[in-house]
Every structure is written in structure tokens, then in C-alpha cells.
Amino acid sequence: MQARSRQRLPLEPSCSRPAGRFGGPLARFACFDRLPTMKITINQQATELPASATVADALAQLQARPPFAVAVNTVFVPRTQYAVHALQDGDRMEVISPVTGG
């Protein structure tokens, strides 16, 4: 019996996007063109994110600067939940910043 040679597959898929294109929390999605995606609305603008994205990931893509509050489908999301609050396809996320002045 002849032994078959086994080709090892790379642990990480090759990516058409350069690593690090998404800095910060989205760095783990550097090859997100190969991952399943979802479409959500952030501040009334359609946005595409990786299917496993959280509120923190969406905020990183938006490059939001504090202070702000976040609501997903009109429900307030506490800051302590940003990293664990998973978004779903079709969600509507609002990032609200205070306005000062008179």
C-alpha cells in the first residue's frame, strides 16, 4: 500500500485584505471578506459587519468618540455590555451624543 502525502492546510485562510486594515477590536476580522456578514443600520446608514460582531465592534468601525449612549432596536445598551451584546442581521443601532449650547 502506498502512503498518501497529506497537504497541510494553513491555520489562517489567505486574505485579500492586508492584515491590520481594521485596527483595535476589529483586528480579529482582518479577513472579514471571507466571513459571513450581516447588514445592520447604524444611525440610519446601512452598514455591513461580520456575522459575529458586537456593539463594541460596530463602535470601533464607526470610530465613535465618548461621550455617547447606544441603543439597539430602541433598547438602551449599558457600556458594560458593549463587548458581549451580539448584533443580529437587520438590527438598528443608534449612537447618541449629547449636544451642548443654547
C-alpha atoms as a PDB file:
ATOM      1  CA  MET A   1       0.000   0.000   0.000  1.00  0.00           C
ATOM      2  CA  GLN A   2       1.368   3.385  -0.991  1.00  0.00           C
ATOM      3  CA  ALA A   3       1.334   6.167   1.598  1.00  0.00           C
ATOM      4  CA  ARG A   4      -0.583   9.256   0.635  1.00  0.00           C
ATOM      5  CA  SER A   5       1.010  12.591   1.197  1.00  0.00           C
ATOM      6  CA  ARG A   6      -1.245  14.901   3.134  1.00  0.00           C
ATOM      7  CA  GLN A   7      -1.232  18.559   2.353  1.00  0.00           C
ATOM      8  CA  ARG A   8      -1.422  20.708   5.448  1.00  0.00           C
ATOM      9  CA  LEU A   9      -3.938  23.500   5.277  1.00  0.00           C
ATOM     10  CA  PRO A  10      -2.926  26.845   6.743  1.00  0.00           C
ATOM     11  CA  LEU A  11      -4.433  27.667  10.119  1.00  0.00           C
ATOM     12  CA  GLU A  12      -5.483  31.066   8.869  1.00  0.00           C
ATOM     13  CA  PRO A  13      -7.107  31.444   5.442  1.00  0.00           C
ATOM     14  CA  SER A  14      -5.271  33.621   2.979  1.00  0.00           C
ATOM     15  CA  CYS A  15      -6.773  37.047   2.831  1.00  0.00           C
ATOM     16  CA  SER A  16      -7.165  39.514   0.018  1.00  0.00           C
ATOM     17  CA  ARG A  17      -7.170  42.358   2.539  1.00  0.00           C
ATOM     18  CA  PRO A  18      -3.990  43.351   4.325  1.00  0.00           C
ATOM     19  CA  ALA A  19      -3.806  42.305   7.966  1.00  0.00           C
ATOM     20  CA  GLY A  20      -4.486  45.161  10.307  1.00  0.00           C
ATOM     21  CA  ARG A  21      -6.817  47.018   7.981  1.00  0.00           C
ATOM     22  CA  PHE A  22      -9.279  47.041  10.848  1.00  0.00           C
ATOM     23  CA  GLY A  23      -7.456  48.202  13.933  1.00  0.00           C
ATOM     24  CA  GLY A  24      -8.468  47.646  17.529  1.00  0.00           C
ATOM     25  CA  PRO A  25     -11.331  45.280  18.292  1.00  0.00           C
ATOM     26  CA  LEU A  26     -11.941  44.521  14.609  1.00  0.00           C
ATOM     27  CA  ALA A  27      -8.398  43.246  14.067  1.00  0.00           C
ATOM     28  CA  ARG A  28      -9.694  39.704  14.576  1.00  0.00           C
ATOM     29  CA  PHE A  29     -11.837  40.281  11.471  1.00  0.00           C
ATOM     30  CA  ALA A  30      -8.876  41.179   9.225  1.00  0.00           C
ATOM     31  CA  CYS A  31     -10.138  38.646   6.661  1.00  0.00           C
ATOM     32  CA  PHE A  32     -13.761  39.516   7.110  1.00  0.00           C
ATOM     33  CA  ASP A  33     -14.301  39.420   3.342  1.00  0.00           C
ATOM     34  CA  ARG A  34     -14.298  35.608   3.781  1.00  0.00           C
ATOM     35  CA  LEU A  35     -16.508  35.507   6.877  1.00  0.00           C
ATOM     36  CA  PRO A  36     -20.291  35.524   6.822  1.00  0.00           C
ATOM     37  CA  THR A  37     -21.587  39.059   7.156  1.00  0.00           C
ATOM     38  CA  MET A  38     -24.733  40.782   8.310  1.00  0.00           C
ATOM     39  CA  LYS A  39     -26.310  44.098   7.484  1.00  0.00           C
ATOM     40  CA  ILE A  40     -27.383  46.453  10.237  1.00  0.00           C
ATOM     41  CA  THR A  41     -28.332  50.105  10.345  1.00  0.00           C
ATOM     42  CA  ILE A  42     -26.198  52.485  12.390  1.00  0.00           C
ATOM     43  CA  ASN A  43     -27.638  55.985  12.760  1.00  0.00           C
ATOM     44  CA  GLN A  44     -29.882  55.394   9.744  1.00  0.00           C
ATOM     45  CA  GLN A  45     -26.995  54.274   7.486  1.00  0.00           C
ATOM     46  CA  ALA A  46     -26.696  50.718   6.188  1.00  0.00           C
ATOM     47  CA  THR A  47     -23.541  49.027   7.466  1.00  0.00           C
ATOM     48  CA  GLU A  48     -22.065  45.592   6.834  1.00  0.00           C
ATOM     49  CA  LEU A  49     -20.309  43.802   9.704  1.00  0.00           C
ATOM     50  CA  PRO A  50     -19.017  40.281  10.354  1.00  0.00           C
ATOM     51  CA  ALA A  51     -21.850  37.995  11.455  1.00  0.00           C
ATOM     52  CA  SER A  52     -20.381  37.643  14.960  1.00  0.00           C
ATOM     53  CA  ALA A  53     -19.963  41.396  15.573  1.00  0.00           C
ATOM     54  CA  THR A  54     -20.820  43.008  18.874  1.00  0.00           C
ATOM     55  CA  VAL A  55     -21.787  46.567  19.760  1.00  0.00           C
ATOM     56  CA  ALA A  56     -18.107  47.207  20.590  1.00  0.00           C
ATOM     57  CA  ASP A  57     -17.092  46.057  17.084  1.00  0.00           C
ATOM     58  CA  ALA A  58     -19.659  48.354  15.461  1.00  0.00           C
ATOM     59  CA  LEU A  59     -18.483  51.287  17.584  1.00  0.00           C
ATOM     60  CA  ALA A  60     -14.872  50.605  16.570  1.00  0.00           C
ATOM     61  CA  GLN A  61     -15.829  50.640  12.899  1.00  0.00           C
ATOM     62  CA  LEU A  62     -17.806  53.833  13.450  1.00  0.00           C
ATOM     63  CA  GLN A  63     -14.832  55.322  15.358  1.00  0.00           C
ATOM     64  CA  ALA A  64     -17.239  56.756  17.923  1.00  0.00           C
ATOM     65  CA  ARG A  65     -15.747  59.123  20.488  1.00  0.00           C
ATOM     66  CA  PRO A  66     -17.186  59.392  24.006  1.00  0.00           C
ATOM     67  CA  PRO A  67     -19.411  60.608  25.452  1.00  0.00           C
ATOM     68  CA  PHE A  68     -22.237  58.720  23.779  1.00  0.00           C
ATOM     69  CA  ALA A  69     -25.050  56.295  24.530  1.00  0.00           C
ATOM     70  CA  VAL A  70     -26.055  53.276  22.451  1.00  0.00           C
ATOM     71  CA  ALA A  71     -29.467  51.784  21.744  1.00  0.00           C
ATOM     72  CA  VAL A  72     -30.099  48.636  19.706  1.00  0.00           C
ATOM     73  CA  ASN A  73     -33.647  48.296  18.387  1.00  0.00           C
ATOM     74  CA  THR A  74     -34.649  51.205  20.685  1.00  0.00           C
ATOM     75  CA  VAL A  75     -33.335  49.418  23.819  1.00  0.00           C
ATOM     76  CA  PHE A  76     -30.511  51.117  25.757  1.00  0.00           C
ATOM     77  CA  VAL A  77     -27.281  49.037  25.952  1.00  0.00           C
ATOM     78  CA  PRO A  78     -25.139  49.728  29.059  1.00  0.00           C
ATOM     79  CA  ARG A  79     -21.441  50.428  28.396  1.00  0.00           C
ATOM     80  CA  THR A  80     -20.532  47.299  30.371  1.00  0.00           C
ATOM     81  CA  GLN A  81     -22.414  45.203  27.785  1.00  0.00           C
ATOM     82  CA  TYR A  82     -20.852  46.613  24.578  1.00  0.00           C
ATOM     83  CA  ALA A  83     -18.345  43.755  24.223  1.00  0.00           C
ATOM     84  CA  VAL A  84     -20.893  40.994  24.850  1.00  0.00           C
ATOM     85  CA  HIS A  85     -24.035  42.368  23.199  1.00  0.00           C
ATOM     86  CA  ALA A  86     -24.127  40.452  19.901  1.00  0.00           C
ATOM     87  CA  LEU A  87     -25.752  42.163  16.959  1.00  0.00           C
ATOM     88  CA  GLN A  88     -28.136  40.368  14.617  1.00  0.00           C
ATOM     89  CA  ASP A  89     -28.818  40.833  10.920  1.00  0.00           C
ATOM     90  CA  GLY A  90     -31.304  43.686  10.487  1.00  0.00           C
ATOM     91  CA  ASP A  91     -30.654  45.355  13.861  1.00  0.00           C
ATOM     92  CA  ARG A  92     -30.990  49.112  14.132  1.00  0.00           C
ATOM     93  CA  MET A  93     -28.287  50.709  16.262  1.00  0.00           C
ATOM     94  CA  GLU A  94     -28.329  54.344  17.337  1.00  0.00           C
ATOM     95  CA  VAL A  95     -25.287  56.112  18.766  1.00  0.00           C
ATOM     96  CA  ILE A  96     -26.437  59.256  20.529  1.00  0.00           C
ATOM     97  CA  SER A  97     -24.070  62.048  21.580  1.00  0.00           C
ATOM     98  CA  PRO A  98     -25.059  64.930  23.846  1.00  0.00           C
ATOM     99  CA  VAL A  99     -25.261  68.381  22.303  1.00  0.00           C
ATOM    100  CA  THR A 100     -24.291  71.387  24.380  1.00  0.00           C
ATOM    101  CA  GLY A 101     -25.182  75.002  23.900  1.00  0.00           C
ATOM    102  CA  GLY A 102     -28.302  77.028  23.834  1.00  0.00           C
END
